[in-house]
PDB file of all heavy atoms in Angstrom:
ATOM      1  N   CYS A   1    -160.623-156.139  73.159  1.00  0.00           N
ATOM      2  CA  CYS A   1    -159.854-155.756  74.316  1.00  0.00           C
ATOM      3  C   CYS A   1    -159.373-154.320  74.177  1.00  0.00           C
ATOM      4  O   CYS A   1    -159.179-153.822  73.070  1.00  0.00           O
ATOM      5  CB  CYS A   1    -158.615-156.651  74.477  1.00  0.00           C
ATOM      6  SG  CYS A   1    -159.032-158.398  74.541  1.00  0.00           S
ATOM      7  N   GLU A   2    -159.157-153.685  75.320  1.00  0.00           N
ATOM      8  CA  GLU A   2    -158.597-152.334  75.318  1.00  0.00           C
ATOM      9  C   GLU A   2    -157.163-152.398  74.814  1.00  0.00           C
ATOM     10  O   GLU A   2    -156.677-151.502  74.127  1.00  0.00           O
ATOM     11  CB  GLU A   2    -158.645-151.743  76.725  1.00  0.00           C
ATOM     12  CG  GLU A   2    -160.082-151.517  77.220  1.00  0.00           C
ATOM     13  CD  GLU A   2    -160.116-150.985  78.636  1.00  0.00           C
ATOM     14  OE1 GLU A   2    -159.017-150.762  79.214  1.00  0.00           O
ATOM     15  OE2 GLU A   2    -161.223-150.777  79.177  1.00  0.00           O
ATOM     16  N   THR A   3    -156.420-153.442  75.162  1.00  0.00           N
ATOM     17  CA  THR A   3    -155.067-153.635  74.697  1.00  0.00           C
ATOM     18  C   THR A   3    -155.099-154.477  73.421  1.00  0.00           C
ATOM     19  O   THR A   3    -155.502-155.612  73.441  1.00  0.00           O
ATOM     20  CB  THR A   3    -154.205-154.347  75.757  1.00  0.00           C
ATOM     21  OG1 THR A   3    -154.268-153.609  76.966  1.00  0.00           O
ATOM     22  CG2 THR A   3    -152.790-154.489  75.287  1.00  0.00           C
ATOM     23  N   ASP A   4    -154.654-153.869  72.340  1.00  0.00           N
ATOM     24  CA  ASP A   4    -154.733-154.554  71.038  1.00  0.00           C
ATOM     25  C   ASP A   4    -153.496-155.410  70.861  1.00  0.00           C
ATOM     26  O   ASP A   4    -152.444-154.950  70.408  1.00  0.00           O
ATOM     27  CB  ASP A   4    -154.853-153.521  69.926  1.00  0.00           C
ATOM     28  CG  ASP A   4    -155.093-154.187  68.567  1.00  0.00           C
ATOM     29  OD1 ASP A   4    -155.430-155.369  68.540  1.00  0.00           O
ATOM     30  OD2 ASP A   4    -154.910-153.509  67.551  1.00  0.00           O
ATOM     31  N   LEU A   5    -153.582-156.652  71.233  1.00  0.00           N
ATOM     32  CA  LEU A   5    -152.459-157.584  71.083  1.00  0.00           C
ATOM     33  C   LEU A   5    -152.536-158.220  69.709  1.00  0.00           C
ATOM     34  O   LEU A   5    -153.223-159.236  69.525  1.00  0.00           O
ATOM     35  CB  LEU A   5    -152.475-158.621  72.201  1.00  0.00           C
ATOM     36  CG  LEU A   5    -152.409-158.071  73.601  1.00  0.00           C
ATOM     37  CD1 LEU A   5    -152.442-159.185  74.626  1.00  0.00           C
ATOM     38  CD2 LEU A   5    -151.167-157.211  73.802  1.00  0.00           C
ATOM     39  N   VAL A   6    -151.885-157.608  68.741  1.00  0.00           N
ATOM     40  CA  VAL A   6    -151.973-158.061  67.355  1.00  0.00           C
ATOM     41  C   VAL A   6    -151.524-159.484  67.180  1.00  0.00           C
ATOM     42  O   VAL A   6    -152.160-160.268  66.477  1.00  0.00           O
ATOM     43  CB  VAL A   6    -151.156-157.118  66.437  1.00  0.00           C
ATOM     44  CG1 VAL A   6    -151.198-157.611  64.987  1.00  0.00           C
ATOM     45  CG2 VAL A   6    -151.686-155.700  66.514  1.00  0.00           C
ATOM     46  N   ASP A   7    -150.405-159.866  67.811  1.00  0.00           N
ATOM     47  CA  ASP A   7    -149.908-161.230  67.656  1.00  0.00           C
ATOM     48  C   ASP A   7    -150.926-162.253  68.107  1.00  0.00           C
ATOM     49  O   ASP A   7    -151.089-163.298  67.499  1.00  0.00           O
ATOM     50  CB  ASP A   7    -148.605-161.386  68.433  1.00  0.00           C
ATOM     51  CG  ASP A   7    -147.428-160.743  67.728  1.00  0.00           C
ATOM     52  OD1 ASP A   7    -147.618-160.269  66.584  1.00  0.00           O
ATOM     53  OD2 ASP A   7    -146.328-160.714  68.315  1.00  0.00           O
ATOM     54  N   THR A   8    -151.599-161.925  69.212  1.00  0.00           N
ATOM     55  CA  THR A   8    -152.581-162.861  69.750  1.00  0.00           C
ATOM     56  C   THR A   8    -153.783-162.976  68.809  1.00  0.00           C
ATOM     57  O   THR A   8    -154.310-164.057  68.598  1.00  0.00           O
ATOM     58  CB  THR A   8    -153.047-162.403  71.144  1.00  0.00           C
ATOM     59  OG1 THR A   8    -151.895-162.221  71.976  1.00  0.00           O
ATOM     60  CG2 THR A   8    -153.961-163.459  71.770  1.00  0.00           C
ATOM     61  N   ARG A   9    -154.171-161.863  68.230  1.00  0.00           N
ATOM     62  CA  ARG A   9    -155.279-161.895  67.276  1.00  0.00           C
ATOM     63  C   ARG A   9    -154.896-162.736  66.062  1.00  0.00           C
ATOM     64  O   ARG A   9    -155.719-163.530  65.557  1.00  0.00           O
ATOM     65  CB  ARG A   9    -155.647-160.476  66.846  1.00  0.00           C
ATOM     66  CG  ARG A   9    -156.279-159.643  67.957  1.00  0.00           C
ATOM     67  CD  ARG A   9    -156.304-158.165  67.608  1.00  0.00           C
ATOM     68  NE  ARG A   9    -157.116-157.902  66.429  1.00  0.00           N
ATOM     69  CZ  ARG A   9    -158.410-157.668  66.453  1.00  0.00           C
ATOM     70  NH1 ARG A   9    -159.088-157.714  67.615  1.00  0.00           N
ATOM     71  NH2 ARG A   9    -159.092-157.412  65.362  1.00  0.00           N
ATOM     72  N   ILE A  10    -153.683-162.608  65.598  1.00  0.00           N
ATOM     73  CA  ILE A  10    -153.218-163.422  64.455  1.00  0.00           C
ATOM     74  C   ILE A  10    -153.171-164.886  64.848  1.00  0.00           C
ATOM     75  O   ILE A  10    -153.521-165.780  64.059  1.00  0.00           O
ATOM     76  CB  ILE A  10    -151.845-162.929  63.983  1.00  0.00           C
ATOM     77  CG1 ILE A  10    -151.987-161.528  63.385  1.00  0.00           C
ATOM     78  CG2 ILE A  10    -151.268-163.894  62.942  1.00  0.00           C
ATOM     79  CD1 ILE A  10    -150.649-160.905  63.002  1.00  0.00           C
ATOM     80  N   ALA A  11    -152.743-165.176  66.080  1.00  0.00           N
ATOM     81  CA  ALA A  11    -152.692-166.549  66.554  1.00  0.00           C
ATOM     82  C   ALA A  11    -154.081-167.170  66.533  1.00  0.00           C
ATOM     83  O   ALA A  11    -154.252-168.349  66.137  1.00  0.00           O
ATOM     84  CB  ALA A  11    -152.107-166.609  67.964  1.00  0.00           C
ATOM     85  N   TYR A  12    -155.088-166.428  66.932  1.00  0.00           N
ATOM     86  CA  TYR A  12    -156.439-166.950  66.929  1.00  0.00           C
ATOM     87  C   TYR A  12    -156.999-167.070  65.534  1.00  0.00           C
ATOM     88  O   TYR A  12    -157.817-167.963  65.242  1.00  0.00           O
ATOM     89  CB  TYR A  12    -157.337-166.105  67.824  1.00  0.00           C
ATOM     90  CG  TYR A  12    -157.317-166.596  69.268  1.00  0.00           C
ATOM     91  CD1 TYR A  12    -156.359-166.138  70.142  1.00  0.00           C
ATOM     92  CD2 TYR A  12    -158.208-167.560  69.692  1.00  0.00           C
ATOM     93  CE1 TYR A  12    -156.291-166.604  71.438  1.00  0.00           C
ATOM     94  CE2 TYR A  12    -158.156-168.046  70.988  1.00  0.00           C
ATOM     95  CZ  TYR A  12    -157.199-167.570  71.849  1.00  0.00           C
ATOM     96  OH  TYR A  12    -157.124-168.054  73.117  1.00  0.00           O
ATOM     97  N   LEU A  13    -156.590-166.198  64.612  1.00  0.00           N
ATOM     98  CA  LEU A  13    -156.962-166.333  63.223  1.00  0.00           C
ATOM     99  C   LEU A  13    -156.437-167.627  62.646  1.00  0.00           C
ATOM    100  O   LEU A  13    -157.141-168.369  61.965  1.00  0.00           O
ATOM    101  CB  LEU A  13    -156.457-165.144  62.416  1.00  0.00           C
ATOM    102  CG  LEU A  13    -156.735-165.176  60.914  1.00  0.00           C
ATOM    103  CD1 LEU A  13    -158.214-165.208  60.628  1.00  0.00           C
ATOM    104  CD2 LEU A  13    -156.091-163.983  60.221  1.00  0.00           C
ATOM    105  N   ILE A  14    -155.170-167.914  62.932  1.00  0.00           N
ATOM    106  CA  ILE A  14    -154.559-169.149  62.458  1.00  0.00           C
ATOM    107  C   ILE A  14    -155.235-170.361  63.086  1.00  0.00           C
ATOM    108  O   ILE A  14    -155.473-171.373  62.439  1.00  0.00           O
ATOM    109  CB  ILE A  14    -153.054-169.138  62.747  1.00  0.00           C
ATOM    110  CG1 ILE A  14    -152.364-168.056  61.892  1.00  0.00           C
ATOM    111  CG2 ILE A  14    -152.436-170.505  62.463  1.00  0.00           C
ATOM    112  CD1 ILE A  14    -150.876-167.886  62.199  1.00  0.00           C
ATOM    113  N   LEU A  15    -155.570-170.247  64.394  1.00  0.00           N
ATOM    114  CA  LEU A  15    -156.291-171.347  65.064  1.00  0.00           C
ATOM    115  C   LEU A  15    -157.597-171.643  64.372  1.00  0.00           C
ATOM    116  O   LEU A  15    -157.931-172.817  64.132  1.00  0.00           O
ATOM    117  CB  LEU A  15    -156.542-170.964  66.524  1.00  0.00           C
ATOM    118  CG  LEU A  15    -157.349-171.980  67.351  1.00  0.00           C
ATOM    119  CD1 LEU A  15    -156.565-173.271  67.511  1.00  0.00           C
ATOM    120  CD2 LEU A  15    -157.682-171.389  68.716  1.00  0.00           C
ATOM    121  N   GLY A  16    -158.352-170.605  64.027  1.00  0.00           N
ATOM    122  CA  GLY A  16    -159.628-170.817  63.317  1.00  0.00           C
ATOM    123  C   GLY A  16    -159.404-171.436  61.960  1.00  0.00           C
ATOM    124  O   GLY A  16    -160.182-172.314  61.520  1.00  0.00           O
ATOM    125  N   GLU A  17    -158.368-171.015  61.270  1.00  0.00           N
ATOM    126  CA  GLU A  17    -158.034-171.557  59.943  1.00  0.00           C
ATOM    127  C   GLU A  17    -157.709-173.035  60.020  1.00  0.00           C
ATOM    128  O   GLU A  17    -158.205-173.851  59.222  1.00  0.00           O
ATOM    129  CB  GLU A  17    -156.851-170.752  59.387  1.00  0.00           C
ATOM    130  CG  GLU A  17    -156.258-171.303  58.115  1.00  0.00           C
ATOM    131  CD  GLU A  17    -154.954-170.604  57.755  1.00  0.00           C
ATOM    132  OE1 GLU A  17    -154.827-169.393  58.029  1.00  0.00           O
ATOM    133  OE2 GLU A  17    -154.047-171.263  57.212  1.00  0.00           O
ATOM    134  N   VAL A  18    -156.848-173.417  60.986  1.00  0.00           N
ATOM    135  CA  VAL A  18    -156.421-174.810  61.113  1.00  0.00           C
ATOM    136  C   VAL A  18    -157.591-175.678  61.582  1.00  0.00           C
ATOM    137  O   VAL A  18    -157.770-176.805  61.135  1.00  0.00           O
ATOM    138  CB  VAL A  18    -155.237-174.931  62.074  1.00  0.00           C
ATOM    139  CG1 VAL A  18    -154.892-176.386  62.358  1.00  0.00           C
ATOM    140  CG2 VAL A  18    -154.028-174.214  61.508  1.00  0.00           C
ATOM    141  N   ASN A  19    -158.391-175.124  62.485  1.00  0.00           N
ATOM    142  CA  ASN A  19    -159.567-175.839  62.994  1.00  0.00           C
ATOM    143  C   ASN A  19    -160.478-176.216  61.829  1.00  0.00           C
ATOM    144  O   ASN A  19    -160.922-177.363  61.680  1.00  0.00           O
ATOM    145  CB  ASN A  19    -160.297-174.977  64.017  1.00  0.00           C
ATOM    146  CG  ASN A  19    -161.524-175.676  64.613  1.00  0.00           C
ATOM    147  OD1 ASN A  19    -161.578-176.881  64.713  1.00  0.00           O
ATOM    148  ND2 ASN A  19    -162.516-174.881  64.964  1.00  0.00           N
ATOM    149  N   ARG A  20    -160.782-175.228  60.974  1.00  0.00           N
ATOM    150  CA  ARG A  20    -161.665-175.465  59.838  1.00  0.00           C
ATOM    151  C   ARG A  20    -161.058-176.427  58.841  1.00  0.00           C
ATOM    152  O   ARG A  20    -161.716-177.366  58.382  1.00  0.00           O
ATOM    153  CB  ARG A  20    -162.003-174.139  59.180  1.00  0.00           C
ATOM    154  CG  ARG A  20    -163.053-174.258  58.069  1.00  0.00           C
ATOM    155  CD  ARG A  20    -163.366-172.904  57.461  1.00  0.00           C
ATOM    156  NE  ARG A  20    -164.463-173.015  56.508  1.00  0.00           N
ATOM    157  CZ  ARG A  20    -165.759-172.917  56.793  1.00  0.00           C
ATOM    158  NH1 ARG A  20    -166.102-172.695  58.048  1.00  0.00           N
ATOM    159  NH2 ARG A  20    -166.688-173.066  55.874  1.00  0.00           N
ATOM    160  N   ALA A  21    -159.770-176.219  58.514  1.00  0.00           N
ATOM    161  CA  ALA A  21    -159.087-177.087  57.535  1.00  0.00           C
ATOM    162  C   ALA A  21    -159.063-178.543  58.030  1.00  0.00           C
ATOM    163  O   ALA A  21    -159.205-179.475  57.209  1.00  0.00           O
ATOM    164  CB  ALA A  21    -157.690-176.566  57.278  1.00  0.00           C
ATOM    165  N   THR A  22    -158.874-178.734  59.303  1.00  0.00           N
ATOM    166  CA  THR A  22    -158.822-180.083  59.872  1.00  0.00           C
ATOM    167  C   THR A  22    -160.195-180.745  59.816  1.00  0.00           C
ATOM    168  O   THR A  22    -160.327-181.899  59.391  1.00  0.00           O
ATOM    169  CB  THR A  22    -158.337-180.052  61.312  1.00  0.00           C
ATOM    170  OG1 THR A  22    -157.029-179.475  61.368  1.00  0.00           O
ATOM    171  CG2 THR A  22    -158.273-181.465  61.927  1.00  0.00           C
ATOM    172  N   GLN A  23    -161.235-179.997  60.176  1.00  0.00           N
ATOM    173  CA  GLN A  23    -162.563-180.600  60.224  1.00  0.00           C
ATOM    174  C   GLN A  23    -163.143-180.864  58.850  1.00  0.00           C
ATOM    175  O   GLN A  23    -163.920-181.802  58.663  1.00  0.00           O
ATOM    176  CB  GLN A  23    -163.492-179.713  61.058  1.00  0.00           C
ATOM    177  CG  GLN A  23    -163.126-179.625  62.525  1.00  0.00           C
ATOM    178  CD  GLN A  23    -164.313-179.164  63.364  1.00  0.00           C
ATOM    179  OE1 GLN A  23    -165.420-179.694  63.240  1.00  0.00           O
ATOM    180  NE2 GLN A  23    -164.079-178.198  64.235  1.00  0.00           N
ATOM    181  N   ILE A  24    -162.792-180.019  57.867  1.00  0.00           N
ATOM    182  CA  ILE A  24    -163.315-180.195  56.521  1.00  0.00           C
ATOM    183  C   ILE A  24    -162.927-181.574  55.939  1.00  0.00           C
ATOM    184  O   ILE A  24    -163.655-182.125  55.091  1.00  0.00           O
ATOM    185  CB  ILE A  24    -162.812-179.076  55.593  1.00  0.00           C
ATOM    186  CG1 ILE A  24    -163.625-177.799  55.862  1.00  0.00           C
ATOM    187  CG2 ILE A  24    -162.911-179.437  54.128  1.00  0.00           C
ATOM    188  CD1 ILE A  24    -163.154-176.589  55.069  1.00  0.00           C
ATOM    189  N   ARG A  25    -161.835-182.139  56.401  1.00  0.00           N
ATOM    190  CA  ARG A  25    -161.409-183.451  55.897  1.00  0.00           C
ATOM    191  C   ARG A  25    -162.453-184.515  56.168  1.00  0.00           C
ATOM    192  O   ARG A  25    -162.546-185.492  55.419  1.00  0.00           O
ATOM    193  CB  ARG A  25    -160.083-183.851  56.559  1.00  0.00           C
ATOM    194  CG  ARG A  25    -158.941-182.941  56.199  1.00  0.00           C
ATOM    195  CD  ARG A  25    -157.691-183.231  56.993  1.00  0.00           C
ATOM    196  NE  ARG A  25    -157.190-184.592  56.756  1.00  0.00           N
ATOM    197  CZ  ARG A  25    -156.094-185.067  57.311  1.00  0.00           C
ATOM    198  NH1 ARG A  25    -155.367-184.312  58.115  1.00  0.00           N
ATOM    199  NH2 ARG A  25    -155.692-186.289  57.046  1.00  0.00           N
ATOM    200  N   GLY A  26    -163.254-184.337  57.223  1.00  0.00           N
ATOM    201  CA  GLY A  26    -164.282-185.293  57.533  1.00  0.00           C
ATOM    202  C   GLY A  26    -163.766-186.432  58.404  1.00  0.00           C
ATOM    203  O   GLY A  26    -162.877-187.202  57.968  1.00  0.00           O
ATOM    204  N   TRP A  27    -164.266-186.506  59.632  1.00  0.00           N
ATOM    205  CA  TRP A  27    -163.856-187.549  60.581  1.00  0.00           C
ATOM    206  C   TRP A  27    -165.087-188.239  61.122  1.00  0.00           C
ATOM    207  O   TRP A  27    -166.224-187.763  60.931  1.00  0.00           O
ATOM    208  CB  TRP A  27    -163.054-186.932  61.718  1.00  0.00           C
ATOM    209  CG  TRP A  27    -161.862-186.130  61.269  1.00  0.00           C
ATOM    210  CD1 TRP A  27    -161.856-184.832  60.860  1.00  0.00           C
ATOM    211  CD2 TRP A  27    -160.517-186.585  61.163  1.00  0.00           C
ATOM    212  NE1 TRP A  27    -160.603-184.444  60.501  1.00  0.00           N
ATOM    213  CE2 TRP A  27    -159.747-185.497  60.693  1.00  0.00           C
ATOM    214  CE3 TRP A  27    -159.874-187.804  61.440  1.00  0.00           C
ATOM    215  CZ2 TRP A  27    -158.371-185.583  60.467  1.00  0.00           C
ATOM    216  CZ3 TRP A  27    -158.505-187.888  61.233  1.00  0.00           C
ATOM    217  CH2 TRP A  27    -157.770-186.796  60.741  1.00  0.00           C
ATOM    218  N   HIS A  28    -164.868-189.340  61.807  1.00  0.00           N
ATOM    219  CA  HIS A  28    -165.995-190.079  62.379  1.00  0.00           C
ATOM    220  C   HIS A  28    -166.807-189.219  63.325  1.00  0.00           C
ATOM    221  O   HIS A  28    -168.026-189.316  63.387  1.00  0.00           O
ATOM    222  CB  HIS A  28    -165.450-191.321  63.131  1.00  0.00           C
ATOM    223  CG  HIS A  28    -166.498-192.191  63.730  1.00  0.00           C
ATOM    224  ND1 HIS A  28    -167.451-192.836  62.970  1.00  0.00           N
ATOM    225  CD2 HIS A  28    -166.744-192.511  65.021  1.00  0.00           C
ATOM    226  CE1 HIS A  28    -168.239-193.529  63.750  1.00  0.00           C
ATOM    227  NE2 HIS A  28    -167.857-193.357  64.993  1.00  0.00           N
ATOM    228  N   TRP A  29    -166.129-188.315  64.023  1.00  0.00           N
ATOM    229  CA  TRP A  29    -166.793-187.502  65.051  1.00  0.00           C
ATOM    230  C   TRP A  29    -167.499-186.262  64.509  1.00  0.00           C
ATOM    231  O   TRP A  29    -168.225-185.599  65.264  1.00  0.00           O
ATOM    232  CB  TRP A  29    -165.795-187.083  66.144  1.00  0.00           C
ATOM    233  CG  TRP A  29    -164.418-186.736  65.645  1.00  0.00           C
ATOM    234  CD1 TRP A  29    -163.336-187.557  65.568  1.00  0.00           C
ATOM    235  CD2 TRP A  29    -163.977-185.463  65.157  1.00  0.00           C
ATOM    236  NE1 TRP A  29    -162.242-186.904  65.078  1.00  0.00           N
ATOM    237  CE2 TRP A  29    -162.607-185.616  64.801  1.00  0.00           C
ATOM    238  CE3 TRP A  29    -164.589-184.226  64.988  1.00  0.00           C
ATOM    239  CZ2 TRP A  29    -161.851-184.571  64.289  1.00  0.00           C
ATOM    240  CZ3 TRP A  29    -163.836-183.183  64.471  1.00  0.00           C
ATOM    241  CH2 TRP A  29    -162.494-183.359  64.123  1.00  0.00           C
ATOM    242  N   ASN A  30    -167.305-185.927  63.242  1.00  0.00           N
ATOM    243  CA  ASN A  30    -168.074-184.795  62.705  1.00  0.00           C
ATOM    244  C   ASN A  30    -168.803-185.121  61.406  1.00  0.00           C
ATOM    245  O   ASN A  30    -169.205-184.234  60.661  1.00  0.00           O
ATOM    246  CB  ASN A  30    -167.177-183.558  62.509  1.00  0.00           C
ATOM    247  CG  ASN A  30    -166.212-183.704  61.328  1.00  0.00           C
ATOM    248  OD1 ASN A  30    -165.832-184.816  60.919  1.00  0.00           O
ATOM    249  ND2 ASN A  30    -165.776-182.578  60.801  1.00  0.00           N
ATOM    250  N   THR A  31    -168.961-186.433  61.168  1.00  0.00           N
ATOM    251  CA  THR A  31    -169.686-186.903  59.973  1.00  0.00           C
ATOM    252  C   THR A  31    -170.901-187.701  60.375  1.00  0.00           C
ATOM    253  O   THR A  31    -170.803-188.601  61.231  1.00  0.00           O
ATOM    254  CB  THR A  31    -168.773-187.761  59.083  1.00  0.00           C
ATOM    255  OG1 THR A  31    -167.590-187.004  58.745  1.00  0.00           O
ATOM    256  CG2 THR A  31    -169.481-188.175  57.819  1.00  0.00           C
ATOM    257  N   GLU A  32    -172.025-187.382  59.793  1.00  0.00           N
ATOM    258  CA  GLU A  32    -173.280-188.100  60.094  1.00  0.00           C
ATOM    259  C   GLU A  32    -173.904-188.596  58.799  1.00  0.00           C
ATOM    260  O   GLU A  32    -173.923-187.880  57.799  1.00  0.00           O
ATOM    261  CB  GLU A  32    -174.262-187.183  60.839  1.00  0.00           C
ATOM    262  CG  GLU A  32    -173.751-186.756  62.220  1.00  0.00           C
ATOM    263  CD  GLU A  32    -174.785-185.949  62.984  1.00  0.00           C
ATOM    264  OE1 GLU A  32    -175.969-185.960  62.580  1.00  0.00           O
ATOM    265  OE2 GLU A  32    -174.411-185.340  63.997  1.00  0.00           O
ATOM    266  N   SER A  33    -174.429-189.826  58.863  1.00  0.00           N
ATOM    267  CA  SER A  33    -175.055-190.444  57.699  1.00  0.00           C
ATOM    268  C   SER A  33    -176.572-190.319  57.769  1.00  0.00           C
ATOM    269  O   SER A  33    -177.144-190.088  58.814  1.00  0.00           O
ATOM    270  CB  SER A  33    -174.656-191.921  57.628  1.00  0.00           C
ATOM    271  OG  SER A  33    -173.269-192.084  57.544  1.00  0.00           O
ATOM    272  N   ASP A  34    -177.201-190.461  56.615  1.00  0.00           N
ATOM    273  CA  ASP A  34    -178.658-190.448  56.502  1.00  0.00           C
ATOM    274  C   ASP A  34    -179.265-189.179  57.084  1.00  0.00           C
ATOM    275  O   ASP A  34    -180.303-189.223  57.767  1.00  0.00           O
ATOM    276  CB  ASP A  34    -179.275-191.674  57.140  1.00  0.00           C
ATOM    277  CG  ASP A  34    -179.063-192.923  56.307  1.00  0.00           C
ATOM    278  OD1 ASP A  34    -178.977-192.810  55.070  1.00  0.00           O
ATOM    279  OD2 ASP A  34    -178.978-194.024  56.887  1.00  0.00           O
ATOM    280  N   VAL A  35    -178.622-188.045  56.838  1.00  0.00           N
ATOM    281  CA  VAL A  35    -179.196-186.774  57.275  1.00  0.00           C
ATOM    282  C   VAL A  35    -180.196-186.313  56.202  1.00  0.00           C
ATOM    283  O   VAL A  35    -179.879-186.259  55.022  1.00  0.00           O
ATOM    284  CB  VAL A  35    -178.071-185.693  57.418  1.00  0.00           C
ATOM    285  CG1 VAL A  35    -178.687-184.343  57.773  1.00  0.00           C
ATOM    286  CG2 VAL A  35    -177.086-186.114  58.484  1.00  0.00           C
ATOM    287  N   THR A  36    -181.401-186.040  56.624  1.00  0.00           N
ATOM    288  CA  THR A  36    -182.428-185.615  55.707  1.00  0.00           C
ATOM    289  C   THR A  36    -182.361-184.129  55.443  1.00  0.00           C
ATOM    290  O   THR A  36    -182.466-183.296  56.369  1.00  0.00           O
ATOM    291  CB  THR A  36    -183.839-185.958  56.247  1.00  0.00           C
ATOM    292  OG1 THR A  36    -183.932-187.382  56.438  1.00  0.00           O
ATOM    293  CG2 THR A  36    -184.917-185.523  55.263  1.00  0.00           C
ATOM    294  N   LEU A  37    -182.159-183.760  54.191  1.00  0.00           N
ATOM    295  CA  LEU A  37    -182.093-182.378  53.771  1.00  0.00           C
ATOM    296  C   LEU A  37    -183.387-182.057  53.007  1.00  0.00           C
ATOM    297  O   LEU A  37    -183.626-182.597  51.934  1.00  0.00           O
ATOM    298  CB  LEU A  37    -180.867-182.133  52.893  1.00  0.00           C
ATOM    299  CG  LEU A  37    -179.525-182.537  53.524  1.00  0.00           C
ATOM    300  CD1 LEU A  37    -178.391-182.407  52.510  1.00  0.00           C
ATOM    301  CD2 LEU A  37    -179.249-181.693  54.753  1.00  0.00           C
TER     302      LEU A  37
END
């Protein structure tokens, strides 16, 4: 953005952090079995 809203950028950084930390725990909706690697 032309307007550098630092607080908003930090808010989105935290959002990405919490999103990843939550999903890493492993839930029914993001875990798949018998995946062939």
